Amino acid sequence: DRQELKLSDAFLMPKEGYEWTAHMLNINAGGNQN
């Protein structure tokens, strides 16, 4: 229903202090009904 996709997951090496988040919501029938 929901995934938090993080920019840092794509970093070639760990680096704190830099982040961007995509909130991915599944809106197919039955998902995120509320």
PDB file of all heavy atoms in Angstrom:
ATOM      1  N   ASP A   1       0.823  -1.210   0.000  1.00  0.00           N
ATOM      2  CA  ASP A   1       0.000   0.000   0.000  1.00  0.00           C
ATOM      3  C   ASP A   1       0.859   1.262   0.000  1.00  0.00           C
ATOM      4  O   ASP A   1       0.513   2.249  -0.639  1.00  0.00           O
ATOM      5  CB  ASP A   1      -0.921   0.014   1.226  1.00  0.00           C
ATOM      6  CG  ASP A   1      -2.211  -0.744   0.978  1.00  0.00           C
ATOM      7  OD1 ASP A   1      -2.307  -1.403  -0.073  1.00  0.00           O
ATOM      8  OD2 ASP A   1      -3.119  -0.686   1.819  1.00  0.00           O
ATOM      9  N   ARG A   2       1.962   1.214   0.728  1.00  0.00           N
ATOM     10  CA  ARG A   2       2.824   2.406   0.836  1.00  0.00           C
ATOM     11  C   ARG A   2       4.278   1.976   0.932  1.00  0.00           C
ATOM     12  O   ARG A   2       4.609   1.031   1.642  1.00  0.00           O
ATOM     13  CB  ARG A   2       2.430   3.239   2.052  1.00  0.00           C
ATOM     14  CG  ARG A   2       3.250   4.536   2.184  1.00  0.00           C
ATOM     15  CD  ARG A   2       2.780   5.378   3.346  1.00  0.00           C
ATOM     16  NE  ARG A   2       3.569   6.609   3.452  1.00  0.00           N
ATOM     17  CZ  ARG A   2       3.066   7.831   3.461  1.00  0.00           C
ATOM     18  NH1 ARG A   2       1.752   8.000   3.394  1.00  0.00           N
ATOM     19  NH2 ARG A   2       3.832   8.897   3.545  1.00  0.00           N
ATOM     20  N   GLN A   3       5.122   2.673   0.192  1.00  0.00           N
ATOM     21  CA  GLN A   3       6.569   2.489   0.288  1.00  0.00           C
ATOM     22  C   GLN A   3       7.230   3.854   0.396  1.00  0.00           C
ATOM     23  O   GLN A   3       6.818   4.798  -0.283  1.00  0.00           O
ATOM     24  CB  GLN A   3       7.123   1.788  -0.954  1.00  0.00           C
ATOM     25  CG  GLN A   3       6.668   0.359  -1.152  1.00  0.00           C
ATOM     26  CD  GLN A   3       7.337  -0.273  -2.357  1.00  0.00           C
ATOM     27  OE1 GLN A   3       8.511  -0.616  -2.325  1.00  0.00           O
ATOM     28  NE2 GLN A   3       6.585  -0.410  -3.438  1.00  0.00           N
ATOM     29  N   GLU A   4       8.243   3.934   1.228  1.00  0.00           N
ATOM     30  CA  GLU A   4       9.041   5.151   1.339  1.00  0.00           C
ATOM     31  C   GLU A   4      10.343   4.912   0.566  1.00  0.00           C
ATOM     32  O   GLU A   4      11.234   4.205   1.039  1.00  0.00           O
ATOM     33  CB  GLU A   4       9.341   5.482   2.800  1.00  0.00           C
ATOM     34  CG  GLU A   4       8.096   5.671   3.669  1.00  0.00           C
ATOM     35  CD  GLU A   4       7.249   6.849   3.216  1.00  0.00           C
ATOM     36  OE1 GLU A   4       7.797   7.950   3.057  1.00  0.00           O
ATOM     37  OE2 GLU A   4       6.033   6.653   3.013  1.00  0.00           O
ATOM     38  N   LEU A   5      10.421   5.465  -0.629  1.00  0.00           N
ATOM     39  CA  LEU A   5      11.609   5.286  -1.461  1.00  0.00           C
ATOM     40  C   LEU A   5      12.596   6.406  -1.166  1.00  0.00           C
ATOM     41  O   LEU A   5      12.259   7.587  -1.250  1.00  0.00           O
ATOM     42  CB  LEU A   5      11.228   5.290  -2.939  1.00  0.00           C
ATOM     43  CG  LEU A   5      10.151   4.279  -3.365  1.00  0.00           C
ATOM     44  CD1 LEU A   5       9.896   4.395  -4.863  1.00  0.00           C
ATOM     45  CD2 LEU A   5      10.532   2.869  -2.994  1.00  0.00           C
ATOM     46  N   LYS A   6      13.823   6.040  -0.828  1.00  0.00           N
ATOM     47  CA  LYS A   6      14.834   7.005  -0.394  1.00  0.00           C
ATOM     48  C   LYS A   6      15.905   7.216  -1.458  1.00  0.00           C
ATOM     49  O   LYS A   6      16.399   6.250  -2.056  1.00  0.00           O
ATOM     50  CB  LYS A   6      15.511   6.509   0.892  1.00  0.00           C
ATOM     51  CG  LYS A   6      14.561   6.235   2.048  1.00  0.00           C
ATOM     52  CD  LYS A   6      13.995   7.514   2.625  1.00  0.00           C
ATOM     53  CE  LYS A   6      13.175   7.241   3.886  1.00  0.00           C
ATOM     54  NZ  LYS A   6      12.637   8.474   4.472  1.00  0.00           N
ATOM     55  N   LEU A   7      16.278   8.455  -1.660  1.00  0.00           N
ATOM     56  CA  LEU A   7      17.356   8.774  -2.589  1.00  0.00           C
ATOM     57  C   LEU A   7      18.663   8.119  -2.141  1.00  0.00           C
ATOM     58  O   LEU A   7      19.449   7.648  -2.959  1.00  0.00           O
ATOM     59  CB  LEU A   7      17.535  10.294  -2.678  1.00  0.00           C
ATOM     60  CG  LEU A   7      18.638  10.792  -3.628  1.00  0.00           C
ATOM     61  CD1 LEU A   7      18.283  10.474  -5.072  1.00  0.00           C
ATOM     62  CD2 LEU A   7      18.846  12.293  -3.458  1.00  0.00           C
ATOM     63  N   SER A   8      18.884   8.058  -0.843  1.00  0.00           N
ATOM     64  CA  SER A   8      20.141   7.523  -0.309  1.00  0.00           C
ATOM     65  C   SER A   8      20.349   6.053  -0.669  1.00  0.00           C
ATOM     66  O   SER A   8      21.481   5.562  -0.656  1.00  0.00           O
ATOM     67  CB  SER A   8      20.195   7.695   1.212  1.00  0.00           C
ATOM     68  OG  SER A   8      19.095   7.051   1.828  1.00  0.00           O
ATOM     69  N   ASP A   9      19.263   5.344  -1.007  1.00  0.00           N
ATOM     70  CA  ASP A   9      19.414   3.946  -1.409  1.00  0.00           C
ATOM     71  C   ASP A   9      20.214   3.821  -2.704  1.00  0.00           C
ATOM     72  O   ASP A   9      20.765   2.753  -2.999  1.00  0.00           O
ATOM     73  CB  ASP A   9      18.036   3.298  -1.612  1.00  0.00           C
ATOM     74  CG  ASP A   9      17.285   3.131  -0.303  1.00  0.00           C
ATOM     75  OD1 ASP A   9      17.937   3.104   0.760  1.00  0.00           O
ATOM     76  OD2 ASP A   9      16.045   3.042  -0.347  1.00  0.00           O
ATOM     77  N   ALA A  10      20.281   4.902  -3.477  1.00  0.00           N
ATOM     78  CA  ALA A  10      21.002   4.880  -4.747  1.00  0.00           C
ATOM     79  C   ALA A  10      22.443   5.359  -4.615  1.00  0.00           C
ATOM     80  O   ALA A  10      23.211   5.282  -5.581  1.00  0.00           O
ATOM     81  CB  ALA A  10      20.276   5.754  -5.777  1.00  0.00           C
ATOM     82  N   PHE A  11      22.849   5.850  -3.435  1.00  0.00           N
ATOM     83  CA  PHE A  11      24.208   6.361  -3.263  1.00  0.00           C
ATOM     84  C   PHE A  11      25.224   5.229  -3.420  1.00  0.00           C
ATOM     85  O   PHE A  11      25.029   4.128  -2.877  1.00  0.00           O
ATOM     86  CB  PHE A  11      24.380   7.001  -1.883  1.00  0.00           C
ATOM     87  CG  PHE A  11      23.607   8.271  -1.681  1.00  0.00           C
ATOM     88  CD1 PHE A  11      23.535   8.864  -0.417  1.00  0.00           C
ATOM     89  CD2 PHE A  11      22.949   8.901  -2.720  1.00  0.00           C
ATOM     90  CE1 PHE A  11      22.824  10.035  -0.210  1.00  0.00           C
ATOM     91  CE2 PHE A  11      22.237  10.071  -2.525  1.00  0.00           C
ATOM     92  CZ  PHE A  11      22.176  10.641  -1.267  1.00  0.00           C
ATOM     93  N   LEU A  12      26.312   5.496  -4.110  1.00  0.00           N
ATOM     94  CA  LEU A  12      27.366   4.496  -4.264  1.00  0.00           C
ATOM     95  C   LEU A  12      28.106   4.247  -2.959  1.00  0.00           C
ATOM     96  O   LEU A  12      28.743   3.208  -2.795  1.00  0.00           O
ATOM     97  CB  LEU A  12      28.350   4.954  -5.348  1.00  0.00           C
ATOM     98  CG  LEU A  12      27.785   4.963  -6.779  1.00  0.00           C
ATOM     99  CD1 LEU A  12      28.772   5.602  -7.746  1.00  0.00           C
ATOM    100  CD2 LEU A  12      27.447   3.548  -7.218  1.00  0.00           C
ATOM    101  N   MET A  13      28.046   5.194  -2.046  1.00  0.00           N
ATOM    102  CA  MET A  13      28.603   5.015  -0.708  1.00  0.00           C
ATOM    103  C   MET A  13      27.723   5.757   0.283  1.00  0.00           C
ATOM    104  O   MET A  13      27.062   6.735  -0.084  1.00  0.00           O
ATOM    105  CB  MET A  13      30.038   5.530  -0.629  1.00  0.00           C
ATOM    106  CG  MET A  13      30.206   7.009  -0.902  1.00  0.00           C
ATOM    107  SD  MET A  13      31.894   7.581  -0.600  1.00  0.00           S
ATOM    108  CE  MET A  13      31.991   7.467   1.191  1.00  0.00           C
ATOM    109  N   PRO A  14      27.625   5.312   1.527  1.00  0.00           N
ATOM    110  CA  PRO A  14      26.773   5.978   2.517  1.00  0.00           C
ATOM    111  C   PRO A  14      27.182   7.432   2.711  1.00  0.00           C
ATOM    112  O   PRO A  14      28.364   7.777   2.727  1.00  0.00           O
ATOM    113  CB  PRO A  14      27.017   5.163   3.791  1.00  0.00           C
ATOM    114  CG  PRO A  14      27.523   3.840   3.320  1.00  0.00           C
ATOM    115  CD  PRO A  14      28.310   4.128   2.083  1.00  0.00           C
ATOM    116  N   LYS A  15      26.182   8.301   2.828  1.00  0.00           N
ATOM    117  CA  LYS A  15      26.450   9.724   3.028  1.00  0.00           C
ATOM    118  C   LYS A  15      25.299  10.312   3.819  1.00  0.00           C
ATOM    119  O   LYS A  15      24.184  10.443   3.318  1.00  0.00           O
ATOM    120  CB  LYS A  15      26.589  10.431   1.673  1.00  0.00           C
ATOM    121  CG  LYS A  15      27.037  11.879   1.764  1.00  0.00           C
ATOM    122  CD  LYS A  15      28.501  11.979   2.157  1.00  0.00           C
ATOM    123  CE  LYS A  15      29.016  13.412   2.082  1.00  0.00           C
ATOM    124  NZ  LYS A  15      30.435  13.512   2.463  1.00  0.00           N
ATOM    125  N   GLU A  16      25.551  10.680   5.054  1.00  0.00           N
ATOM    126  CA  GLU A  16      24.495  11.241   5.894  1.00  0.00           C
ATOM    127  C   GLU A  16      24.261  12.711   5.572  1.00  0.00           C
ATOM    128  O   GLU A  16      25.138  13.413   5.096  1.00  0.00           O
ATOM    129  CB  GLU A  16      24.860  11.083   7.378  1.00  0.00           C
ATOM    130  CG  GLU A  16      24.910   9.638   7.845  1.00  0.00           C
ATOM    131  CD  GLU A  16      25.157   9.531   9.334  1.00  0.00           C
ATOM    132  OE1 GLU A  16      25.217  10.606  10.007  1.00  0.00           O
ATOM    133  OE2 GLU A  16      25.296   8.405   9.840  1.00  0.00           O
ATOM    134  N   GLY A  17      23.036  13.156   5.845  1.00  0.00           N
ATOM    135  CA  GLY A  17      22.719  14.569   5.702  1.00  0.00           C
ATOM    136  C   GLY A  17      22.101  14.934   4.369  1.00  0.00           C
ATOM    137  O   GLY A  17      21.734  16.089   4.155  1.00  0.00           O
ATOM    138  N   TYR A  18      21.985  13.972   3.452  1.00  0.00           N
ATOM    139  CA  TYR A  18      21.397  14.243   2.145  1.00  0.00           C
ATOM    140  C   TYR A  18      20.308  13.202   1.878  1.00  0.00           C
ATOM    141  O   TYR A  18      20.591  12.007   1.801  1.00  0.00           O
ATOM    142  CB  TYR A  18      22.451  14.166   1.038  1.00  0.00           C
ATOM    143  CG  TYR A  18      23.535  15.208   1.174  1.00  0.00           C
ATOM    144  CD1 TYR A  18      24.673  14.946   1.943  1.00  0.00           C
ATOM    145  CD2 TYR A  18      23.409  16.449   0.561  1.00  0.00           C
ATOM    146  CE1 TYR A  18      25.668  15.901   2.091  1.00  0.00           C
ATOM    147  CE2 TYR A  18      24.391  17.411   0.704  1.00  0.00           C
ATOM    148  CZ  TYR A  18      25.517  17.136   1.470  1.00  0.00           C
ATOM    149  OH  TYR A  18      26.488  18.088   1.626  1.00  0.00           O
ATOM    150  N   GLU A  19      19.078  13.671   1.762  1.00  0.00           N
ATOM    151  CA  GLU A  19      17.978  12.735   1.586  1.00  0.00           C
ATOM    152  C   GLU A  19      16.840  13.368   0.794  1.00  0.00           C
ATOM    153  O   GLU A  19      16.655  14.585   0.814  1.00  0.00           O
ATOM    154  CB  GLU A  19      17.458  12.253   2.946  1.00  0.00           C
ATOM    155  CG  GLU A  19      16.529  11.059   2.882  1.00  0.00           C
ATOM    156  CD  GLU A  19      17.171   9.852   2.211  1.00  0.00           C
ATOM    157  OE1 GLU A  19      17.098   9.787   0.958  1.00  0.00           O
ATOM    158  OE2 GLU A  19      17.738   9.005   2.916  1.00  0.00           O
ATOM    159  N   TRP A  20      16.138  12.527   0.093  1.00  0.00           N
ATOM    160  CA  TRP A  20      14.928  12.912  -0.625  1.00  0.00           C
ATOM    161  C   TRP A  20      14.027  11.685  -0.629  1.00  0.00           C
ATOM    162  O   TRP A  20      14.492  10.574  -0.881  1.00  0.00           O
ATOM    163  CB  TRP A  20      15.253  13.348  -2.059  1.00  0.00           C
ATOM    164  CG  TRP A  20      14.021  13.676  -2.851  1.00  0.00           C
ATOM    165  CD1 TRP A  20      13.262  12.822  -3.581  1.00  0.00           C
ATOM    166  CD2 TRP A  20      13.393  14.951  -2.958  1.00  0.00           C
ATOM    167  NE1 TRP A  20      12.201  13.476  -4.150  1.00  0.00           N
ATOM    168  CE2 TRP A  20      12.261  14.792  -3.778  1.00  0.00           C
ATOM    169  CE3 TRP A  20      13.675  16.213  -2.445  1.00  0.00           C
ATOM    170  CZ2 TRP A  20      11.410  15.842  -4.097  1.00  0.00           C
ATOM    171  CZ3 TRP A  20      12.836  17.249  -2.763  1.00  0.00           C
ATOM    172  CH2 TRP A  20      11.713  17.083  -3.578  1.00  0.00           C
ATOM    173  N   THR A  21      12.759  11.889  -0.332  1.00  0.00           N
ATOM    174  CA  THR A  21      11.846  10.762  -0.177  1.00  0.00           C
ATOM    175  C   THR A  21      10.679  10.855  -1.160  1.00  0.00           C
ATOM    176  O   THR A  21      10.074  11.908  -1.311  1.00  0.00           O
ATOM    177  CB  THR A  21      11.276  10.706   1.257  1.00  0.00           C
ATOM    178  OG1 THR A  21      12.361  10.633   2.186  1.00  0.00           O
ATOM    179  CG2 THR A  21      10.382   9.489   1.440  1.00  0.00           C
ATOM    180  N   ALA A  22      10.407   9.736  -1.799  1.00  0.00           N
ATOM    181  CA  ALA A  22       9.219   9.600  -2.627  1.00  0.00           C
ATOM    182  C   ALA A  22       8.244   8.692  -1.887  1.00  0.00           C
ATOM    183  O   ALA A  22       8.572   7.540  -1.600  1.00  0.00           O
ATOM    184  CB  ALA A  22       9.568   8.995  -3.981  1.00  0.00           C
ATOM    185  N   HIS A  23       7.075   9.211  -1.556  1.00  0.00           N
ATOM    186  CA  HIS A  23       6.054   8.401  -0.905  1.00  0.00           C
ATOM    187  C   HIS A  23       5.266   7.705  -2.022  1.00  0.00           C
ATOM    188  O   HIS A  23       4.478   8.348  -2.720  1.00  0.00           O
ATOM    189  CB  HIS A  23       5.104   9.271  -0.075  1.00  0.00           C
ATOM    190  CG  HIS A  23       5.794  10.237   0.824  1.00  0.00           C
ATOM    191  ND1 HIS A  23       6.572   9.852   1.890  1.00  0.00           N
ATOM    192  CD2 HIS A  23       5.839  11.602   0.806  1.00  0.00           C
ATOM    193  CE1 HIS A  23       7.057  10.914   2.505  1.00  0.00           C
ATOM    194  NE2 HIS A  23       6.636  11.991   1.859  1.00  0.00           N
ATOM    195  N   MET A  24       5.468   6.416  -2.202  1.00  0.00           N
ATOM    196  CA  MET A  24       4.782   5.707  -3.274  1.00  0.00           C
ATOM    197  C   MET A  24       3.557   4.988  -2.712  1.00  0.00           C
ATOM    198  O   MET A  24       3.669   4.124  -1.844  1.00  0.00           O
ATOM    199  CB  MET A  24       5.696   4.699  -3.966  1.00  0.00           C
ATOM    200  CG  MET A  24       5.067   4.132  -5.236  1.00  0.00           C
ATOM    201  SD  MET A  24       6.208   3.200  -6.277  1.00  0.00           S
ATOM    202  CE  MET A  24       6.274   1.656  -5.382  1.00  0.00           C
ATOM    203  N   LEU A  25       2.379   5.369  -3.215  1.00  0.00           N
ATOM    204  CA  LEU A  25       1.117   4.818  -2.751  1.00  0.00           C
ATOM    205  C   LEU A  25       0.503   3.944  -3.839  1.00  0.00           C
ATOM    206  O   LEU A  25       0.382   4.365  -4.984  1.00  0.00           O
ATOM    207  CB  LEU A  25       0.138   5.937  -2.392  1.00  0.00           C
ATOM    208  CG  LEU A  25       0.630   6.992  -1.389  1.00  0.00           C
ATOM    209  CD1 LEU A  25      -0.473   8.009  -1.130  1.00  0.00           C
ATOM    210  CD2 LEU A  25       1.067   6.338  -0.086  1.00  0.00           C
ATOM    211  N   ASN A  26       0.118   2.735  -3.471  1.00  0.00           N
ATOM    212  CA  ASN A  26      -0.550   1.829  -4.393  1.00  0.00           C
ATOM    213  C   ASN A  26      -2.035   2.179  -4.397  1.00  0.00           C
ATOM    214  O   ASN A  26      -2.724   2.013  -3.389  1.00  0.00           O
ATOM    215  CB  ASN A  26      -0.336   0.382  -3.937  1.00  0.00           C
ATOM    216  CG  ASN A  26      -0.910  -0.625  -4.916  1.00  0.00           C
ATOM    217  OD1 ASN A  26      -1.647  -0.272  -5.840  1.00  0.00           O
ATOM    218  ND2 ASN A  26      -0.578  -1.897  -4.720  1.00  0.00           N
ATOM    219  N   ILE A  27      -2.545   2.681  -5.520  1.00  0.00           N
ATOM    220  CA  ILE A  27      -3.943   3.113  -5.567  1.00  0.00           C
ATOM    221  C   ILE A  27      -4.807   2.159  -6.390  1.00  0.00           C
ATOM    222  O   ILE A  27      -5.919   2.510  -6.787  1.00  0.00           O
ATOM    223  CB  ILE A  27      -4.080   4.548  -6.134  1.00  0.00           C
ATOM    224  CG1 ILE A  27      -3.456   4.642  -7.535  1.00  0.00           C
ATOM    225  CG2 ILE A  27      -3.456   5.553  -5.175  1.00  0.00           C
ATOM    226  CD1 ILE A  27      -3.770   5.954  -8.246  1.00  0.00           C
ATOM    227  N   ASN A  28      -4.308   0.954  -6.650  1.00  0.00           N
ATOM    228  CA  ASN A  28      -5.156  -0.034  -7.296  1.00  0.00           C
ATOM    229  C   ASN A  28      -6.347  -0.343  -6.397  1.00  0.00           C
ATOM    230  O   ASN A  28      -6.310  -0.104  -5.185  1.00  0.00           O
ATOM    231  CB  ASN A  28      -4.369  -1.320  -7.577  1.00  0.00           C
ATOM    232  CG  ASN A  28      -3.481  -1.174  -8.797  1.00  0.00           C
ATOM    233  OD1 ASN A  28      -3.963  -0.906  -9.890  1.00  0.00           O
ATOM    234  ND2 ASN A  28      -2.180  -1.327  -8.598  1.00  0.00           N
ATOM    235  N   ALA A  29      -7.415  -0.880  -7.000  1.00  0.00           N
ATOM    236  CA  ALA A  29      -8.618  -1.197  -6.229  1.00  0.00           C
ATOM    237  C   ALA A  29      -8.259  -2.035  -5.004  1.00  0.00           C
ATOM    238  O   ALA A  29      -7.602  -3.066  -5.120  1.00  0.00           O
ATOM    239  CB  ALA A  29      -9.611  -1.945  -7.111  1.00  0.00           C
ATOM    240  N   GLY A  30      -8.672  -1.563  -3.843  1.00  0.00           N
ATOM    241  CA  GLY A  30      -8.369  -2.254  -2.593  1.00  0.00           C
ATOM    242  C   GLY A  30      -7.182  -1.667  -1.851  1.00  0.00           C
ATOM    243  O   GLY A  30      -7.011  -1.906  -0.658  1.00  0.00           O
ATOM    244  N   GLY A  31      -6.357  -0.883  -2.525  1.00  0.00           N
ATOM    245  CA  GLY A  31      -5.209  -0.269  -1.885  1.00  0.00           C
ATOM    246  C   GLY A  31      -5.522   1.144  -1.423  1.00  0.00           C
ATOM    247  O   GLY A  31      -6.207   1.889  -2.123  1.00  0.00           O
ATOM    248  N   ASN A  32      -5.034   1.506  -0.237  1.00  0.00           N
ATOM    249  CA  ASN A  32      -5.223   2.851   0.313  1.00  0.00           C
ATOM    250  C   ASN A  32      -6.682   3.300   0.233  1.00  0.00           C
ATOM    251  O   ASN A  32      -6.993   4.413  -0.216  1.00  0.00           O
ATOM    252  CB  ASN A  32      -4.313   3.847  -0.412  1.00  0.00           C
ATOM    253  CG  ASN A  32      -2.858   3.721   0.009  1.00  0.00           C
ATOM    254  OD1 ASN A  32      -2.497   4.103   1.117  1.00  0.00           O
ATOM    255  ND2 ASN A  32      -2.040   3.141  -0.843  1.00  0.00           N
ATOM    256  N   GLN A  33      -7.576   2.434   0.663  1.00  0.00           N
ATOM    257  CA  GLN A  33      -9.005   2.692   0.556  1.00  0.00           C
ATOM    258  C   GLN A  33      -9.428   3.950   1.298  1.00  0.00           C
ATOM    259  O   GLN A  33     -10.291   4.705   0.838  1.00  0.00           O
ATOM    260  CB  GLN A  33      -9.796   1.486   1.074  1.00  0.00           C
ATOM    261  CG  GLN A  33     -11.252   1.458   0.647  1.00  0.00           C
ATOM    262  CD  GLN A  33     -11.419   1.436  -0.859  1.00  0.00           C
ATOM    263  OE1 GLN A  33     -10.702   0.728  -1.559  1.00  0.00           O
ATOM    264  NE2 GLN A  33     -12.361   2.223  -1.364  1.00  0.00           N
ATOM    265  N   ASN A  34      -8.832   4.190   2.444  1.00  0.00           N
ATOM    266  CA  ASN A  34      -9.178   5.381   3.234  1.00  0.00           C
ATOM    267  C   ASN A  34      -8.869   6.661   2.463  1.00  0.00           C
ATOM    268  O   ASN A  34      -9.654   7.613   2.466  1.00  0.00           O
ATOM    269  CB  ASN A  34      -8.414   5.368   4.561  1.00  0.00           C
ATOM    270  CG  ASN A  34      -8.871   6.477   5.484  1.00  0.00           C
ATOM    271  OD1 ASN A  34     -10.060   6.669   5.714  1.00  0.00           O
ATOM    272  ND2 ASN A  34      -7.909   7.219   6.030  1.00  0.00           N
TER     273      ASN A  34
END
